[in-house]
Amino acid sequence: MIKTATAQVITARQVLDQWQGHRRLTRRVIAAFPEKELFEFTIGGMRPFAWMAEEMIKMSGPGVKGLATGIWENLEWTDHSYKTKDELLKAWDETTEVIEEVWNKIPPYRFQDNDLAFGAYEGPLYGTLLYFIDNEVHHRGQGYVYLRALGIEPPAFWMR
């Protein structure tokens, strides 16, 4: 028997729930850092974790808006806006709310569209979305290395 219908593997809501689980875990990683080390500690030429977290904030909030509208901000990646852990966590939480709010405004067909995200990254939007998540997981892994090097046990990665 030949099947012609396309089965959906995962819903948009399930993708969002998975991403938000990653975001909850990344927030706990940010919170685990001592204030000074969050902004100053580095290993092997990598950036401080606060800068990585700021990149995630700058990518994900405006990114989900771009997914929904096709309007992509040109971002300043090297401008570091947050000076304290509290400011960073507040921005993280606000971005999480933006993601949740805007998500349902993304028309389903948009995930198959091609866009030039942030004026620099061209491709299908499902790939752009997966990059947002991959980027966060990648940088969170760097945060785990930093915490372990500081003698701090990071949050359990499976507790999202």
Protein backbone atom coordinates (compact mmCIF):
# COMPACT_ATOMS: atom_id res chain seq x y z
CA MET A 1 0.00 0.00 0.00
CA ILE A 2 1.37 3.42 -0.98
CA LYS A 3 0.63 6.19 1.46
CA THR A 4 0.41 9.68 0.03
CA ALA A 5 -0.46 11.70 3.14
CA THR A 6 2.33 13.45 4.96
CA ALA A 7 2.44 12.63 8.66
CA GLN A 8 3.38 15.34 11.09
CA VAL A 9 6.25 14.27 13.28
CA ILE A 10 6.03 17.05 15.85
CA THR A 11 3.70 20.00 16.34
CA ALA A 12 4.78 23.61 16.59
CA ARG A 13 3.62 23.60 20.23
CA GLN A 14 5.80 20.57 20.98
CA VAL A 15 8.81 22.37 19.46
CA LEU A 16 8.08 25.41 21.62
CA ASP A 17 7.71 23.27 24.75
CA GLN A 18 11.07 21.64 24.02
CA TRP A 19 12.73 25.03 23.46
CA GLN A 20 11.20 26.48 26.62
CA GLY A 21 12.55 23.48 28.53
CA HIS A 22 16.01 24.32 27.24
CA ARG A 23 15.47 27.95 28.26
CA ARG A 24 14.49 26.95 31.82
CA LEU A 25 17.67 24.91 32.10
CA THR A 26 19.86 27.66 30.62
CA ARG A 27 18.34 30.11 33.12
CA ARG A 28 19.42 27.81 35.96
CA VAL A 29 22.94 27.73 34.50
CA ILE A 30 23.05 31.54 34.46
CA ALA A 31 21.77 31.64 38.04
CA ALA A 32 24.43 29.13 39.19
CA PHE A 33 27.28 31.51 38.34
CA PRO A 34 28.74 33.82 40.93
CA GLU A 35 28.19 37.41 39.74
CA LYS A 36 31.83 38.25 39.05
CA GLU A 37 32.61 35.02 37.22
CA LEU A 38 29.47 35.29 35.10
CA PHE A 39 30.90 38.42 33.50
CA GLU A 40 34.65 37.80 33.73
CA PHE A 41 35.56 34.10 33.79
CA THR A 42 36.80 32.60 30.53
CA ILE A 43 38.69 29.53 29.37
CA GLY A 44 40.74 29.11 26.23
CA GLY A 45 39.76 32.40 24.63
CA MET A 46 36.00 31.81 24.92
CA ARG A 47 33.75 34.70 25.92
CA PRO A 48 32.35 35.13 29.43
CA PHE A 49 29.09 33.23 29.86
CA ALA A 50 27.14 36.47 30.36
CA TRP A 51 28.08 37.48 26.80
CA MET A 52 26.95 34.11 25.49
CA ALA A 53 23.65 34.44 27.35
CA GLU A 54 23.21 37.94 25.96
CA GLU A 55 23.71 36.57 22.45
CA MET A 56 20.96 34.01 23.13
CA ILE A 57 18.63 36.79 24.32
CA LYS A 58 19.38 38.94 21.28
CA MET A 59 18.83 36.03 18.94
CA SER A 60 15.74 34.41 20.41
CA GLY A 61 13.40 37.33 21.17
CA PRO A 62 13.87 39.21 17.90
CA GLY A 63 14.26 35.86 16.15
CA VAL A 64 10.82 34.60 17.07
CA LYS A 65 9.40 37.95 15.94
CA GLY A 66 11.19 37.50 12.62
CA LEU A 67 9.77 34.00 12.29
CA ALA A 68 6.27 35.42 12.78
CA THR A 69 6.52 38.54 10.62
CA GLY A 70 9.42 38.22 8.20
CA ILE A 71 10.81 41.45 9.65
CA TRP A 72 14.33 40.88 10.95
CA GLU A 73 16.22 43.36 13.09
CA ASN A 74 19.86 44.04 12.35
CA LEU A 75 21.43 43.26 15.69
CA GLU A 76 24.56 44.54 17.38
CA TRP A 77 26.11 41.33 18.63
CA THR A 78 29.11 42.85 20.42
CA ASP A 79 27.30 45.51 22.48
CA HIS A 80 27.01 44.18 26.03
CA SER A 81 23.94 45.68 27.65
CA TYR A 82 23.73 43.77 30.94
CA LYS A 83 26.06 44.58 33.80
CA THR A 84 24.60 42.45 36.61
CA LYS A 85 23.25 38.92 36.94
CA ASP A 86 19.87 40.33 37.98
CA GLU A 87 19.67 42.43 34.79
CA LEU A 88 20.61 39.42 32.68
CA LEU A 89 18.06 37.14 34.37
CA LYS A 90 15.34 39.80 34.04
CA ALA A 91 16.07 40.12 30.31
CA TRP A 92 16.09 36.31 30.01
CA ASP A 93 12.66 36.09 31.63
CA GLU A 94 11.26 38.91 29.49
CA THR A 95 12.55 37.18 26.36
CA THR A 96 10.96 33.91 27.45
CA GLU A 97 7.63 35.74 27.74
CA VAL A 98 8.09 37.28 24.28
CA ILE A 99 8.75 33.86 22.79
CA GLU A 100 5.62 32.44 24.42
CA GLU A 101 3.49 35.42 23.34
CA VAL A 102 4.67 35.63 19.73
CA TRP A 103 4.86 31.89 19.04
CA ASN A 104 1.15 31.45 18.35
CA LYS A 105 1.32 34.29 15.82
CA ILE A 106 3.67 32.34 13.56
CA PRO A 107 1.63 31.06 10.62
CA PRO A 108 2.42 27.35 10.16
CA TYR A 109 3.54 27.85 6.55
CA ARG A 110 6.26 30.28 7.71
CA PHE A 111 8.42 27.42 8.97
CA GLN A 112 8.83 26.32 5.33
CA ASP A 113 9.57 29.83 4.00
CA ASN A 114 13.07 31.02 3.21
CA ASP A 115 14.17 34.29 4.79
CA LEU A 116 17.34 36.24 5.33
CA ALA A 117 17.35 36.16 9.13
CA PHE A 118 18.98 39.18 10.75
CA GLY A 119 20.07 40.32 7.31
CA ALA A 120 22.77 37.65 7.26
CA TYR A 121 21.50 34.06 7.50
CA GLU A 122 19.49 32.78 4.56
CA GLY A 123 17.56 29.55 4.64
CA PRO A 124 14.33 27.80 5.57
CA LEU A 125 12.86 29.11 8.80
CA TYR A 126 12.56 25.68 10.39
CA GLY A 127 16.37 25.57 10.10
CA THR A 128 16.68 29.06 11.55
CA LEU A 129 14.52 28.05 14.50
CA LEU A 130 16.56 24.91 15.07
CA TYR A 131 19.70 27.04 14.96
CA PHE A 132 18.32 29.23 17.78
CA ILE A 133 17.91 26.09 19.89
CA ASP A 134 21.25 24.54 18.82
CA ASN A 135 23.07 27.78 19.60
CA GLU A 136 21.61 27.84 23.09
CA VAL A 137 22.49 24.20 23.80
CA HIS A 138 26.03 24.78 22.49
CA HIS A 139 26.64 27.82 24.68
CA ARG A 140 24.98 26.20 27.69
CA GLY A 141 27.53 23.40 27.32
CA GLN A 142 30.28 26.00 27.52
CA GLY A 143 28.60 27.31 30.68
CA TYR A 144 28.74 23.80 32.16
CA VAL A 145 32.48 23.66 31.48
CA TYR A 146 32.94 27.06 33.14
CA LEU A 147 30.92 26.06 36.21
CA ARG A 148 32.86 22.81 36.62
CA ALA A 149 36.16 24.68 36.24
CA LEU A 150 34.96 27.01 39.01
CA GLY A 151 34.19 24.01 41.24
CA ILE A 152 30.42 24.51 40.93
CA GLU A 153 28.12 21.59 40.15
CA PRO A 154 25.94 22.64 37.20
CA PRO A 155 22.22 21.89 37.10
CA ALA A 156 21.29 18.39 35.94
CA PHE A 157 20.95 18.68 32.16
CA TRP A 158 17.93 16.38 32.02
CA MET A 159 15.87 18.53 34.40
CA ARG A 160 14.10 20.86 32.02
